[in-house]
């Protein structure tokens, strides 16, 4: 099946980390299809090198931004303008059929059967079921469709400022034309929305195949203790144990498969802290988790200590926790200041001890 592929997108190193977990989950469940990731220039060379260990193709694309602040404000997600970049997936004409999956999704079992579906097949959005959610969809790459989408985005725009509003307008007959193009909700189970109808989740949830971490709180925003498998922090008001279990699954893959890969890469390349401004491979891991991690009976701090250490950088002006988190999510951590190697190592040591 070399002409079919799962496709995802990373616009910074944090979403690159999410993509690594997604790709690994697909590999773990024995997919027979290719894995492809589109990355923007904001994804560092070091992250791209690690992505190449999981994905068959790592393709650099230009950022497409709706710049539609008015509509994005309605959904309180100003960062979603860059999701227009997703449109590049239609240019992958080396493949006959693809399944696009957001980097904040997680595969729970083999889903290769989705390649039997046709364009545009997707699951309903929990917020408005007559719209499809663009976190998971089946499509056919086509330069003609790609150009039409670009033209449509310029002329018509998006009713939500992001890719979902655009694609629902472009594939406007999805709701009524062909029920076979409506994927069951288990192929795009929205982790934040399941609490609105908990009885249905209890009935059908065990059959879930893909979970989608919707909203601005992502799995990497939580803290995780790999020894106790305890998830803390970042929890929405009203969240339940069900949601925590999905987060735990995500972190299990990160700690067992991805973390060793990231650490070994940095050690093998002897990447010093003063060069980490170009790579958040260790730092994004440390700050967004604050978690204990053992590698061959070693502490994470001991593994990182093999890297050369530069003198502490001057202290940066204090910023709020919310602003600091936002900077991390956008791949703009202050590696030379408050987020320096020494500060993060101290935080790691605190958790490890």
C-alpha atoms as a PDB file:
ATOM      1  CA  UNK A   1       0.000   0.000   0.000  1.00  0.00           C
ATOM      2  CA  UNK A   2       2.844   2.377  -0.840  1.00  0.00           C
ATOM      3  CA  UNK A   3       0.440   4.761  -2.611  1.00  0.00           C
ATOM      4  CA  UNK A   4      -1.633   5.400   0.531  1.00  0.00           C
ATOM      5  CA  UNK A   5      -0.597   7.344   3.623  1.00  0.00           C
ATOM      6  CA  UNK A   6      -1.540   8.784   6.979  1.00  0.00           C
ATOM      7  CA  UNK A   7      -0.704  12.508   6.959  1.00  0.00           C
ATOM      8  CA  UNK A   8      -0.297  14.981   9.814  1.00  0.00           C
ATOM      9  CA  UNK A   9       1.020  18.524  10.357  1.00  0.00           C
ATOM     10  CA  UNK A  10       3.357  20.186  12.872  1.00  0.00           C
ATOM     11  CA  UNK A  11       3.690  23.973  13.029  1.00  0.00           C
ATOM     12  CA  UNK A  12       6.204  23.995  15.912  1.00  0.00           C
ATOM     13  CA  UNK A  13       8.245  21.553  18.022  1.00  0.00           C
ATOM     14  CA  UNK A  14       5.484  20.974  20.568  1.00  0.00           C
ATOM     15  CA  UNK A  15       3.116  19.789  17.863  1.00  0.00           C
ATOM     16  CA  UNK A  16       6.083  17.844  16.493  1.00  0.00           C
ATOM     17  CA  UNK A  17       6.146  15.981  19.797  1.00  0.00           C
ATOM     18  CA  UNK A  18       2.423  15.302  19.465  1.00  0.00           C
ATOM     19  CA  UNK A  19       3.032  14.010  15.948  1.00  0.00           C
ATOM     20  CA  UNK A  20       5.720  11.651  17.261  1.00  0.00           C
ATOM     21  CA  UNK A  21       3.194  10.139  19.667  1.00  0.00           C
ATOM     22  CA  UNK A  22       0.564   9.879  16.916  1.00  0.00           C
ATOM     23  CA  UNK A  23       3.017   8.267  14.488  1.00  0.00           C
ATOM     24  CA  UNK A  24       4.210   5.830  17.129  1.00  0.00           C
ATOM     25  CA  UNK A  25       0.633   4.859  17.993  1.00  0.00           C
ATOM     26  CA  UNK A  26      -0.004   4.112  14.306  1.00  0.00           C
ATOM     27  CA  UNK A  27       3.187   2.019  14.153  1.00  0.00           C
ATOM     28  CA  UNK A  28       2.312   0.222  17.388  1.00  0.00           C
ATOM     29  CA  UNK A  29      -1.009  -0.836  15.879  1.00  0.00           C
ATOM     30  CA  UNK A  30       0.669  -2.256  12.764  1.00  0.00           C
ATOM     31  CA  UNK A  31      -0.534   0.106  10.056  1.00  0.00           C
ATOM     32  CA  UNK A  32       0.452  -1.040   6.575  1.00  0.00           C
ATOM     33  CA  UNK A  33       0.383   2.490   5.139  1.00  0.00           C
ATOM     34  CA  UNK A  34       3.058   5.152   4.835  1.00  0.00           C
ATOM     35  CA  UNK A  35       3.385   7.897   7.460  1.00  0.00           C
ATOM     36  CA  UNK A  36       3.884  11.461   6.228  1.00  0.00           C
ATOM     37  CA  UNK A  37       4.242  14.706   8.156  1.00  0.00           C
ATOM     38  CA  UNK A  38       4.103  18.262   6.847  1.00  0.00           C
ATOM     39  CA  UNK A  39       6.256  20.671   8.870  1.00  0.00           C
ATOM     40  CA  UNK A  40       6.554  24.442   8.718  1.00  0.00           C
ATOM     41  CA  UNK A  41       9.870  26.316   8.964  1.00  0.00           C
ATOM     42  CA  UNK A  42       9.124  26.903  12.666  1.00  0.00           C
ATOM     43  CA  UNK A  43       9.842  23.220  13.319  1.00  0.00           C
ATOM     44  CA  UNK A  44      13.555  22.989  14.111  1.00  0.00           C
ATOM     45  CA  UNK A  45      16.063  20.906  12.180  1.00  0.00           C
ATOM     46  CA  UNK A  46      16.650  18.782  15.267  1.00  0.00           C
ATOM     47  CA  UNK A  47      12.960  17.955  15.623  1.00  0.00           C
ATOM     48  CA  UNK A  48      12.771  17.129  11.913  1.00  0.00           C
ATOM     49  CA  UNK A  49      15.653  14.690  12.368  1.00  0.00           C
ATOM     50  CA  UNK A  50      13.775  12.889  15.132  1.00  0.00           C
ATOM     51  CA  UNK A  51      10.535  12.922  13.128  1.00  0.00           C
ATOM     52  CA  UNK A  52      12.382  11.085  10.350  1.00  0.00           C
ATOM     53  CA  UNK A  53      12.788   8.132  12.721  1.00  0.00           C
ATOM     54  CA  UNK A  54       9.010   7.674  12.885  1.00  0.00           C
ATOM     55  CA  UNK A  55       7.702   9.075   9.590  1.00  0.00           C
ATOM     56  CA  UNK A  56       8.485   7.863   6.065  1.00  0.00           C
ATOM     57  CA  UNK A  57       8.421  11.423   4.732  1.00  0.00           C
ATOM     58  CA  UNK A  58       9.036  14.766   6.451  1.00  0.00           C
ATOM     59  CA  UNK A  59       8.004  17.533   4.051  1.00  0.00           C
ATOM     60  CA  UNK A  60       8.626  21.236   4.694  1.00  0.00           C
ATOM     61  CA  UNK A  61       5.754  23.506   3.601  1.00  0.00           C
ATOM     62  CA  UNK A  62       5.028  27.218   3.796  1.00  0.00           C
ATOM     63  CA  UNK A  63       2.695  28.525   6.481  1.00  0.00           C
ATOM     64  CA  UNK A  64      -0.794  29.393   5.251  1.00  0.00           C
ATOM     65  CA  UNK A  65      -2.515  31.736   7.700  1.00  0.00           C
ATOM     66  CA  UNK A  66      -6.104  32.933   7.430  1.00  0.00           C
ATOM     67  CA  UNK A  67      -5.237  36.094   9.410  1.00  0.00           C
ATOM     68  CA  UNK A  68      -8.949  36.206  10.224  1.00  0.00           C
ATOM     69  CA  UNK A  69      -8.797  37.579  13.754  1.00  0.00           C
ATOM     70  CA  UNK A  70     -12.504  38.432  13.864  1.00  0.00           C
ATOM     71  CA  UNK A  71     -13.776  34.895  13.258  1.00  0.00           C
ATOM     72  CA  UNK A  72     -10.998  33.304  15.316  1.00  0.00           C
ATOM     73  CA  UNK A  73     -12.025  35.504  18.235  1.00  0.00           C
ATOM     74  CA  UNK A  74     -15.497  33.915  18.138  1.00  0.00           C
ATOM     75  CA  UNK A  75     -13.984  30.539  19.057  1.00  0.00           C
ATOM     76  CA  UNK A  76     -11.320  32.122  21.308  1.00  0.00           C
ATOM     77  CA  UNK A  77      -8.520  30.341  19.418  1.00  0.00           C
ATOM     78  CA  UNK A  78      -6.411  33.034  17.684  1.00  0.00           C
ATOM     79  CA  UNK A  79      -3.632  30.511  17.012  1.00  0.00           C
ATOM     80  CA  UNK A  80      -5.799  28.439  14.652  1.00  0.00           C
ATOM     81  CA  UNK A  81      -5.296  30.747  11.669  1.00  0.00           C
ATOM     82  CA  UNK A  82      -2.213  28.750  10.700  1.00  0.00           C
ATOM     83  CA  UNK A  83      -4.327  25.598  10.335  1.00  0.00           C
ATOM     84  CA  UNK A  84      -4.901  26.720   6.740  1.00  0.00           C
ATOM     85  CA  UNK A  85      -1.449  25.141   6.273  1.00  0.00           C
ATOM     86  CA  UNK A  86      -3.306  21.820   6.352  1.00  0.00           C
ATOM     87  CA  UNK A  87      -4.435  22.497   2.772  1.00  0.00           C
ATOM     88  CA  UNK A  88      -0.961  21.468   1.552  1.00  0.00           C
ATOM     89  CA  UNK A  89      -1.971  17.859   2.176  1.00  0.00           C
ATOM     90  CA  UNK A  90      -3.900  17.874  -1.107  1.00  0.00           C
ATOM     91  CA  UNK A  91      -0.609  18.468  -2.948  1.00  0.00           C
ATOM     92  CA  UNK A  92       0.761  15.039  -1.953  1.00  0.00           C
ATOM     93  CA  UNK A  93      -0.078  13.563  -5.343  1.00  0.00           C
ATOM     94  CA  UNK A  94       2.477  10.756  -4.957  1.00  0.00           C
ATOM     95  CA  UNK A  95      -0.337   9.107  -2.961  1.00  0.00           C
ATOM     96  CA  UNK A  96      -3.709   8.011  -4.334  1.00  0.00           C
ATOM     97  CA  UNK A  97      -5.583   8.258  -1.042  1.00  0.00           C
ATOM     98  CA  UNK A  98      -4.693   9.648   2.392  1.00  0.00           C
ATOM     99  CA  UNK A  99      -6.076  10.048   5.875  1.00  0.00           C
ATOM    100  CA  UNK A 100      -5.258  13.348   7.516  1.00  0.00           C
ATOM    101  CA  UNK A 101      -4.957  13.313  11.301  1.00  0.00           C
ATOM    102  CA  UNK A 102      -4.239  16.277  13.556  1.00  0.00           C
ATOM    103  CA  UNK A 103      -1.076  16.014  15.647  1.00  0.00           C
ATOM    104  CA  UNK A 104      -3.223  16.084  18.800  1.00  0.00           C
ATOM    105  CA  UNK A 105      -4.936  12.792  17.972  1.00  0.00           C
ATOM    106  CA  UNK A 106      -4.074   9.333  19.289  1.00  0.00           C
ATOM    107  CA  UNK A 107      -4.782   5.985  17.641  1.00  0.00           C
ATOM    108  CA  UNK A 108      -6.132   3.276  19.960  1.00  0.00           C
ATOM    109  CA  UNK A 109      -6.205   0.400  17.442  1.00  0.00           C
ATOM    110  CA  UNK A 110      -5.529  -0.311  13.775  1.00  0.00           C
ATOM    111  CA  UNK A 111      -7.678   1.972  11.582  1.00  0.00           C
ATOM    112  CA  UNK A 112      -6.442   0.993   8.111  1.00  0.00           C
ATOM    113  CA  UNK A 113     -10.040   0.194   7.174  1.00  0.00           C
ATOM    114  CA  UNK A 114     -10.603   3.938   6.766  1.00  0.00           C
ATOM    115  CA  UNK A 115      -8.829   3.739   3.414  1.00  0.00           C
ATOM    116  CA  UNK A 116     -11.939   1.993   2.097  1.00  0.00           C
ATOM    117  CA  UNK A 117     -13.800   5.311   2.486  1.00  0.00           C
ATOM    118  CA  UNK A 118     -13.938   8.047  -0.122  1.00  0.00           C
ATOM    119  CA  UNK A 119     -13.273  11.803  -0.078  1.00  0.00           C
ATOM    120  CA  UNK A 120     -14.426  13.618   1.977  1.00  0.00           C
ATOM    121  CA  UNK A 121     -15.188  11.208   4.803  1.00  0.00           C
ATOM    122  CA  UNK A 122     -15.088  12.574   8.351  1.00  0.00           C
ATOM    123  CA  UNK A 123     -16.819  12.330  11.716  1.00  0.00           C
ATOM    124  CA  UNK A 124     -19.378  14.932  12.864  1.00  0.00           C
ATOM    125  CA  UNK A 125     -18.181  17.750  15.066  1.00  0.00           C
ATOM    126  CA  UNK A 126     -19.643  17.446  18.583  1.00  0.00           C
ATOM    127  CA  UNK A 127     -20.380  21.158  18.696  1.00  0.00           C
ATOM    128  CA  UNK A 128     -22.442  21.190  15.486  1.00  0.00           C
ATOM    129  CA  UNK A 129     -23.008  17.696  14.024  1.00  0.00           C
ATOM    130  CA  UNK A 130     -24.010  19.009  10.582  1.00  0.00           C
ATOM    131  CA  UNK A 131     -20.358  20.062  10.301  1.00  0.00           C
ATOM    132  CA  UNK A 132     -17.544  17.543  10.146  1.00  0.00           C
ATOM    133  CA  UNK A 133     -14.534  17.789  12.408  1.00  0.00           C
ATOM    134  CA  UNK A 134     -11.290  18.179  10.464  1.00  0.00           C
ATOM    135  CA  UNK A 135      -9.140  16.373  13.011  1.00  0.00           C
ATOM    136  CA  UNK A 136      -9.536  13.137  11.023  1.00  0.00           C
ATOM    137  CA  UNK A 137     -10.661  12.894   7.397  1.00  0.00           C
ATOM    138  CA  UNK A 138     -10.194  10.739   4.311  1.00  0.00           C
ATOM    139  CA  UNK A 139      -9.253  12.516   1.083  1.00  0.00           C
ATOM    140  CA  UNK A 140      -7.677  12.084  -2.345  1.00  0.00           C
ATOM    141  CA  UNK A 141      -4.641  14.275  -3.146  1.00  0.00           C
ATOM    142  CA  UNK A 142      -5.217  16.346  -6.256  1.00  0.00           C
ATOM    143  CA  UNK A 143      -3.488  19.428  -7.614  1.00  0.00           C
ATOM    144  CA  UNK A 144      -6.827  20.542  -9.047  1.00  0.00           C
ATOM    145  CA  UNK A 145      -8.521  20.305  -5.641  1.00  0.00           C
ATOM    146  CA  UNK A 146      -5.495  21.925  -4.002  1.00  0.00           C
ATOM    147  CA  UNK A 147      -5.682  24.949  -6.327  1.00  0.00           C
ATOM    148  CA  UNK A 148      -9.456  25.184  -5.912  1.00  0.00           C
ATOM    149  CA  UNK A 149      -9.066  25.183  -2.126  1.00  0.00           C
ATOM    150  CA  UNK A 150      -6.453  27.939  -2.273  1.00  0.00           C
ATOM    151  CA  UNK A 151      -8.694  29.994  -4.535  1.00  0.00           C
ATOM    152  CA  UNK A 152     -11.715  29.327  -2.319  1.00  0.00           C
ATOM    153  CA  UNK A 153      -9.794  30.382   0.785  1.00  0.00           C
ATOM    154  CA  UNK A 154      -8.853  33.669  -0.865  1.00  0.00           C
ATOM    155  CA  UNK A 155     -12.289  34.459  -2.240  1.00  0.00           C
ATOM    156  CA  UNK A 156     -14.614  33.058   0.446  1.00  0.00           C
ATOM    157  CA  UNK A 157     -12.478  32.650   3.552  1.00  0.00           C
ATOM    158  CA  UNK A 158     -13.578  30.589   6.548  1.00  0.00           C
ATOM    159  CA  UNK A 159     -16.582  31.053   8.809  1.00  0.00           C
ATOM    160  CA  UNK A 160     -14.477  30.171  11.879  1.00  0.00           C
ATOM    161  CA  UNK A 161     -11.148  31.571  10.675  1.00  0.00           C
ATOM    162  CA  UNK A 162      -9.558  28.108  10.613  1.00  0.00           C
ATOM    163  CA  UNK A 163      -9.385  25.084   8.363  1.00  0.00           C
ATOM    164  CA  UNK A 164     -12.618  23.533   9.689  1.00  0.00           C
ATOM    165  CA  UNK A 165     -14.818  26.419   8.581  1.00  0.00           C
ATOM    166  CA  UNK A 166     -13.100  26.523   5.203  1.00  0.00           C
ATOM    167  CA  UNK A 167     -13.315  22.787   4.477  1.00  0.00           C
ATOM    168  CA  UNK A 168     -16.941  22.550   5.603  1.00  0.00           C
ATOM    169  CA  UNK A 169     -17.843  25.350   3.214  1.00  0.00           C
ATOM    170  CA  UNK A 170     -15.858  23.779   0.372  1.00  0.00           C
ATOM    171  CA  UNK A 171     -17.295  20.279   0.928  1.00  0.00           C
ATOM    172  CA  UNK A 172     -20.697  21.767   1.681  1.00  0.00           C
ATOM    173  CA  UNK A 173     -22.732  18.695   0.727  1.00  0.00           C
ATOM    174  CA  UNK A 174     -21.156  16.488   3.415  1.00  0.00           C
ATOM    175  CA  UNK A 175     -24.099  16.744   5.812  1.00  0.00           C
ATOM    176  CA  UNK A 176     -26.747  15.534   3.340  1.00  0.00           C
ATOM    177  CA  UNK A 177     -25.241  13.962   0.205  1.00  0.00           C
ATOM    178  CA  UNK A 178     -23.819  10.579   1.279  1.00  0.00           C
ATOM    179  CA  UNK A 179     -24.175   8.989   4.698  1.00  0.00           C
ATOM    180  CA  UNK A 180     -21.293   6.649   3.846  1.00  0.00           C
ATOM    181  CA  UNK A 181     -18.981   9.644   4.200  1.00  0.00           C
ATOM    182  CA  UNK A 182     -20.055  10.149   7.822  1.00  0.00           C
ATOM    183  CA  UNK A 183     -17.455   8.389   9.942  1.00  0.00           C
ATOM    184  CA  UNK A 184     -18.658   6.996  13.274  1.00  0.00           C
ATOM    185  CA  UNK A 185     -17.736   9.196  16.222  1.00  0.00           C
ATOM    186  CA  UNK A 186     -15.377   6.460  17.480  1.00  0.00           C
ATOM    187  CA  UNK A 187     -12.932   7.487  14.722  1.00  0.00           C
ATOM    188  CA  UNK A 188     -12.666  11.009  16.147  1.00  0.00           C
ATOM    189  CA  UNK A 189     -13.713  10.845  19.780  1.00  0.00           C
ATOM    190  CA  UNK A 190     -13.449  14.383  21.115  1.00  0.00           C
ATOM    191  CA  UNK A 191     -11.896  14.094  24.547  1.00  0.00           C
ATOM    192  CA  UNK A 192     -13.395  17.341  25.828  1.00  0.00           C
ATOM    193  CA  UNK A 193     -16.915  16.706  24.574  1.00  0.00           C
ATOM    194  CA  UNK A 194     -17.558  13.226  25.948  1.00  0.00           C
ATOM    195  CA  UNK A 195     -18.918  14.582  29.226  1.00  0.00           C
ATOM    196  CA  UNK A 196     -21.909  16.172  27.538  1.00  0.00           C
ATOM    197  CA  UNK A 197     -23.476  12.711  27.033  1.00  0.00           C
ATOM    198  CA  UNK A 198     -21.727  10.403  29.448  1.00  0.00           C
ATOM    199  CA  UNK A 199     -24.234   7.522  29.087  1.00  0.00           C
ATOM    200  CA  UNK A 200     -23.414   7.242  25.375  1.00  0.00           C
ATOM    201  CA  UNK A 201     -19.718   7.302  26.140  1.00  0.00           C
ATOM    202  CA  UNK A 202     -20.115   4.476  28.653  1.00  0.00           C
ATOM    203  CA  UNK A 203     -22.083   2.527  26.050  1.00  0.00           C
ATOM    204  CA  UNK A 204     -19.862   3.074  22.993  1.00  0.00           C
ATOM    205  CA  UNK A 205     -16.590   4.429  24.406  1.00  0.00           C
ATOM    206  CA  UNK A 206     -14.913   1.016  24.750  1.00  0.00           C
ATOM    207  CA  UNK A 207     -15.069   0.766  20.937  1.00  0.00           C
ATOM    208  CA  UNK A 208     -13.192   4.047  20.429  1.00  0.00           C
ATOM    209  CA  UNK A 209     -10.490   3.919  17.747  1.00  0.00           C
ATOM    210  CA  UNK A 210      -9.143   7.491  17.730  1.00  0.00           C
ATOM    211  CA  UNK A 211      -9.204  10.097  20.475  1.00  0.00           C
ATOM    212  CA  UNK A 212      -8.834  13.792  19.609  1.00  0.00           C
ATOM    213  CA  UNK A 213      -7.570  16.210  22.261  1.00  0.00           C
ATOM    214  CA  UNK A 214      -9.651  19.210  21.258  1.00  0.00           C
ATOM    215  CA  UNK A 215      -9.271  22.654  22.787  1.00  0.00           C
ATOM    216  CA  UNK A 216      -6.274  24.697  23.854  1.00  0.00           C
ATOM    217  CA  UNK A 217      -5.244  22.275  26.630  1.00  0.00           C
ATOM    218  CA  UNK A 218      -3.138  19.542  25.021  1.00  0.00           C
ATOM    219  CA  UNK A 219      -1.647  16.364  26.502  1.00  0.00           C
ATOM    220  CA  UNK A 220       1.759  18.015  26.734  1.00  0.00           C
ATOM    221  CA  UNK A 221       0.254  20.701  29.001  1.00  0.00           C
ATOM    222  CA  UNK A 222      -0.250  18.129  31.751  1.00  0.00           C
ATOM    223  CA  UNK A 223       2.234  16.730  34.240  1.00  0.00           C
ATOM    224  CA  UNK A 224       2.806  13.003  34.489  1.00  0.00           C
ATOM    225  CA  UNK A 225       4.527  10.681  36.926  1.00  0.00           C
ATOM    226  CA  UNK A 226       5.740   7.661  34.956  1.00  0.00           C
ATOM    227  CA  UNK A 227       6.133   5.535  38.100  1.00  0.00           C
ATOM    228  CA  UNK A 228       2.609   6.069  39.443  1.00  0.00           C
ATOM    229  CA  UNK A 229       1.054   6.854  36.030  1.00  0.00           C
ATOM    230  CA  UNK A 230      -0.585   9.835  37.701  1.00  0.00           C
ATOM    231  CA  UNK A 231      -1.750  12.751  35.535  1.00  0.00           C
ATOM    232  CA  UNK A 232      -1.984  16.206  37.121  1.00  0.00           C
ATOM    233  CA  UNK A 233      -2.448  19.800  36.037  1.00  0.00           C
ATOM    234  CA  UNK A 234      -4.151  21.305  33.013  1.00  0.00           C
ATOM    235  CA  UNK A 235      -7.466  19.654  33.800  1.00  0.00           C
ATOM    236  CA  UNK A 236     -10.638  21.326  32.589  1.00  0.00           C
ATOM    237  CA  UNK A 237     -13.373  22.097  35.066  1.00  0.00           C
ATOM    238  CA  UNK A 238     -15.716  19.123  35.151  1.00  0.00           C
ATOM    239  CA  UNK A 239     -13.215  16.695  33.635  1.00  0.00           C
ATOM    240  CA  UNK A 240     -13.623  13.046  34.540  1.00  0.00           C
ATOM    241  CA  UNK A 241     -11.456   9.987  34.951  1.00  0.00           C
ATOM    242  CA  UNK A 242     -12.230   9.029  31.353  1.00  0.00           C
ATOM    243  CA  UNK A 243     -10.411  12.072  30.025  1.00  0.00           C
ATOM    244  CA  UNK A 244      -7.473  11.420  32.344  1.00  0.00           C
ATOM    245  CA  UNK A 245      -7.168   7.875  31.033  1.00  0.00           C
ATOM    246  CA  UNK A 246      -6.692   9.146  27.483  1.00  0.00           C
ATOM    247  CA  UNK A 247      -4.044  11.580  28.687  1.00  0.00           C
ATOM    248  CA  UNK A 248      -2.356   8.689  30.490  1.00  0.00           C
ATOM    249  CA  UNK A 249      -2.296   6.622  27.278  1.00  0.00           C
ATOM    250  CA  UNK A 250      -0.655   9.533  25.442  1.00  0.00           C
ATOM    251  CA  UNK A 251       1.985   9.954  28.146  1.00  0.00           C
ATOM    252  CA  UNK A 252       2.705   6.220  28.282  1.00  0.00           C
ATOM    253  CA  UNK A 253       3.765   6.351  24.629  1.00  0.00           C
ATOM    254  CA  UNK A 254       5.792   9.502  25.201  1.00  0.00           C
ATOM    255  CA  UNK A 255       7.702   8.118  28.174  1.00  0.00           C
ATOM    256  CA  UNK A 256       8.320   4.623  26.808  1.00  0.00           C
ATOM    257  CA  UNK A 257       9.020   5.366  23.133  1.00  0.00           C
ATOM    258  CA  UNK A 258       9.550   9.067  22.451  1.00  0.00           C
ATOM    259  CA  UNK A 259      11.517  10.335  25.450  1.00  0.00           C
ATOM    260  CA  UNK A 260      14.404   7.883  25.012  1.00  0.00           C
ATOM    261  CA  UNK A 261      14.566   8.825  21.357  1.00  0.00           C
ATOM    262  CA  UNK A 262      14.690  12.568  22.117  1.00  0.00           C
ATOM    263  CA  UNK A 263      17.286  12.232  24.864  1.00  0.00           C
ATOM    264  CA  UNK A 264      19.522   9.867  22.883  1.00  0.00           C
ATOM    265  CA  UNK A 265      19.369  12.215  19.900  1.00  0.00           C
ATOM    266  CA  UNK A 266      20.497  15.208  21.950  1.00  0.00           C
ATOM    267  CA  UNK A 267      23.262  13.204  23.599  1.00  0.00           C
ATOM    268  CA  UNK A 268      24.463  11.716  20.281  1.00  0.00           C
ATOM    269  CA  UNK A 269      24.597  15.178  18.720  1.00  0.00           C
ATOM    270  CA  UNK A 270      26.175  16.691  21.864  1.00  0.00           C
ATOM    271  CA  UNK A 271      23.731  19.572  21.644  1.00  0.00           C
ATOM    272  CA  UNK A 272      24.765  22.189  24.169  1.00  0.00           C
ATOM    273  CA  UNK A 273      22.250  24.378  26.024  1.00  0.00           C
ATOM    274  CA  UNK A 274      23.324  27.516  24.179  1.00  0.00           C
ATOM    275  CA  UNK A 275      22.151  25.861  20.963  1.00  0.00           C
ATOM    276  CA  UNK A 276      18.831  24.753  22.395  1.00  0.00           C
ATOM    277  CA  UNK A 277      17.264  28.014  21.230  1.00  0.00           C
ATOM    278  CA  UNK A 278      17.039  26.166  17.910  1.00  0.00           C
ATOM    279  CA  UNK A 279      15.657  23.003  19.522  1.00  0.00           C
ATOM    280  CA  UNK A 280      13.059  22.418  22.243  1.00  0.00           C
ATOM    281  CA  UNK A 281      13.496  18.644  22.185  1.00  0.00           C
ATOM    282  CA  UNK A 282      14.636  18.415  25.800  1.00  0.00           C
ATOM    283  CA  UNK A 283      13.293  21.685  27.127  1.00  0.00           C
ATOM    284  CA  UNK A 284       9.719  21.354  25.890  1.00  0.00           C
ATOM    285  CA  UNK A 285       9.756  17.879  27.382  1.00  0.00           C
ATOM    286  CA  UNK A 286      10.975  19.147  30.736  1.00  0.00           C
ATOM    287  CA  UNK A 287       8.847  22.250  31.235  1.00  0.00           C
ATOM    288  CA  UNK A 288       5.525  20.966  29.943  1.00  0.00           C
ATOM    289  CA  UNK A 289       5.823  17.701  31.899  1.00  0.00           C
ATOM    290  CA  UNK A 290       7.852  18.234  35.040  1.00  0.00           C
ATOM    291  CA  UNK A 291       7.915  14.475  35.264  1.00  0.00           C
ATOM    292  CA  UNK A 292      10.167  11.779  36.649  1.00  0.00           C
ATOM    293  CA  UNK A 293      11.682   9.504  34.021  1.00  0.00           C
ATOM    294  CA  UNK A 294      14.094   6.606  34.343  1.00  0.00           C
ATOM    295  CA  UNK A 295      16.376   5.453  31.561  1.00  0.00           C
ATOM    296  CA  UNK A 296      18.429   2.354  32.381  1.00  0.00           C
ATOM    297  CA  UNK A 297      18.043   3.166  36.086  1.00  0.00           C
ATOM    298  CA  UNK A 298      19.340   6.687  35.499  1.00  0.00           C
ATOM    299  CA  UNK A 299      17.564   9.924  36.327  1.00  0.00           C
ATOM    300  CA  UNK A 300      16.614  12.145  33.428  1.00  0.00           C
ATOM    301  CA  UNK A 301      18.766  14.872  34.943  1.00  0.00           C
ATOM    302  CA  UNK A 302      21.752  12.517  34.887  1.00  0.00           C
ATOM    303  CA  UNK A 303      21.148  11.664  31.253  1.00  0.00           C
ATOM    304  CA  UNK A 304      20.888  15.323  30.339  1.00  0.00           C
ATOM    305  CA  UNK A 305      24.041  16.078  32.313  1.00  0.00           C
ATOM    306  CA  UNK A 306      26.076  14.394  29.571  1.00  0.00           C
ATOM    307  CA  UNK A 307      25.408  17.486  27.498  1.00  0.00           C
ATOM    308  CA  UNK A 308      27.867  20.358  27.822  1.00  0.00           C
ATOM    309  CA  UNK A 309      26.587  23.120  30.095  1.00  0.00           C
ATOM    310  CA  UNK A 310      27.069  26.829  29.518  1.00  0.00           C
ATOM    311  CA  UNK A 311      27.067  29.533  32.233  1.00  0.00           C
ATOM    312  CA  UNK A 312      23.635  30.742  33.392  1.00  0.00           C
ATOM    313  CA  UNK A 313      22.055  33.420  31.256  1.00  0.00           C
ATOM    314  CA  UNK A 314      20.964  36.755  32.764  1.00  0.00           C
ATOM    315  CA  UNK A 315      17.515  36.666  34.315  1.00  0.00           C
ATOM    316  CA  UNK A 316      14.682  37.731  32.023  1.00  0.00           C
ATOM    317  CA  UNK A 317      11.819  40.025  33.085  1.00  0.00           C
ATOM    318  CA  UNK A 318       9.113  38.122  34.977  1.00  0.00           C
ATOM    319  CA  UNK A 319       6.026  37.143  32.978  1.00  0.00           C
ATOM    320  CA  UNK A 320       2.786  35.504  34.070  1.00  0.00           C
ATOM    321  CA  UNK A 321       2.415  31.719  34.068  1.00  0.00           C
ATOM    322  CA  UNK A 322      -0.312  31.998  31.433  1.00  0.00           C
ATOM    323  CA  UNK A 323       1.893  34.077  29.124  1.00  0.00           C
ATOM    324  CA  UNK A 324       4.823  31.747  29.679  1.00  0.00           C
ATOM    325  CA  UNK A 325       2.707  28.699  28.811  1.00  0.00           C
ATOM    326  CA  UNK A 326       1.447  30.424  25.661  1.00  0.00           C
ATOM    327  CA  UNK A 327       5.031  31.130  24.607  1.00  0.00           C
ATOM    328  CA  UNK A 328       5.904  27.452  25.068  1.00  0.00           C
ATOM    329  CA  UNK A 329       2.882  26.325  23.062  1.00  0.00           C
ATOM    330  CA  UNK A 330       3.997  28.596  20.225  1.00  0.00           C
ATOM    331  CA  UNK A 331       7.565  27.299  20.377  1.00  0.00           C
ATOM    332  CA  UNK A 332       8.911  30.593  21.745  1.00  0.00           C
ATOM    333  CA  UNK A 333      10.394  29.578  25.068  1.00  0.00           C
ATOM    334  CA  UNK A 334      12.988  31.856  26.705  1.00  0.00           C
ATOM    335  CA  UNK A 335      15.859  29.363  26.538  1.00  0.00           C
ATOM    336  CA  UNK A 336      18.456  31.998  27.435  1.00  0.00           C
ATOM    337  CA  UNK A 337      16.550  33.284  30.443  1.00  0.00           C
ATOM    338  CA  UNK A 338      13.858  31.892  32.748  1.00  0.00           C
ATOM    339  CA  UNK A 339      13.657  28.680  30.685  1.00  0.00           C
ATOM    340  CA  UNK A 340      17.416  28.123  30.660  1.00  0.00           C
ATOM    341  CA  UNK A 341      18.965  24.675  30.980  1.00  0.00           C
ATOM    342  CA  UNK A 342      19.911  25.251  34.608  1.00  0.00           C
ATOM    343  CA  UNK A 343      16.403  26.337  35.653  1.00  0.00           C
ATOM    344  CA  UNK A 344      14.757  23.381  33.940  1.00  0.00           C
ATOM    345  CA  UNK A 345      17.274  20.957  35.396  1.00  0.00           C
ATOM    346  CA  UNK A 346      16.475  22.306  38.882  1.00  0.00           C
ATOM    347  CA  UNK A 347      12.765  21.731  38.228  1.00  0.00           C
ATOM    348  CA  UNK A 348      13.475  18.179  37.076  1.00  0.00           C
ATOM    349  CA  UNK A 349      15.624  17.475  40.125  1.00  0.00           C
ATOM    350  CA  UNK A 350      12.839  18.707  42.387  1.00  0.00           C
ATOM    351  CA  UNK A 351      10.385  16.215  40.885  1.00  0.00           C
ATOM    352  CA  UNK A 352      12.919  13.393  40.758  1.00  0.00           C
ATOM    353  CA  UNK A 353      13.797  13.837  44.401  1.00  0.00           C
END
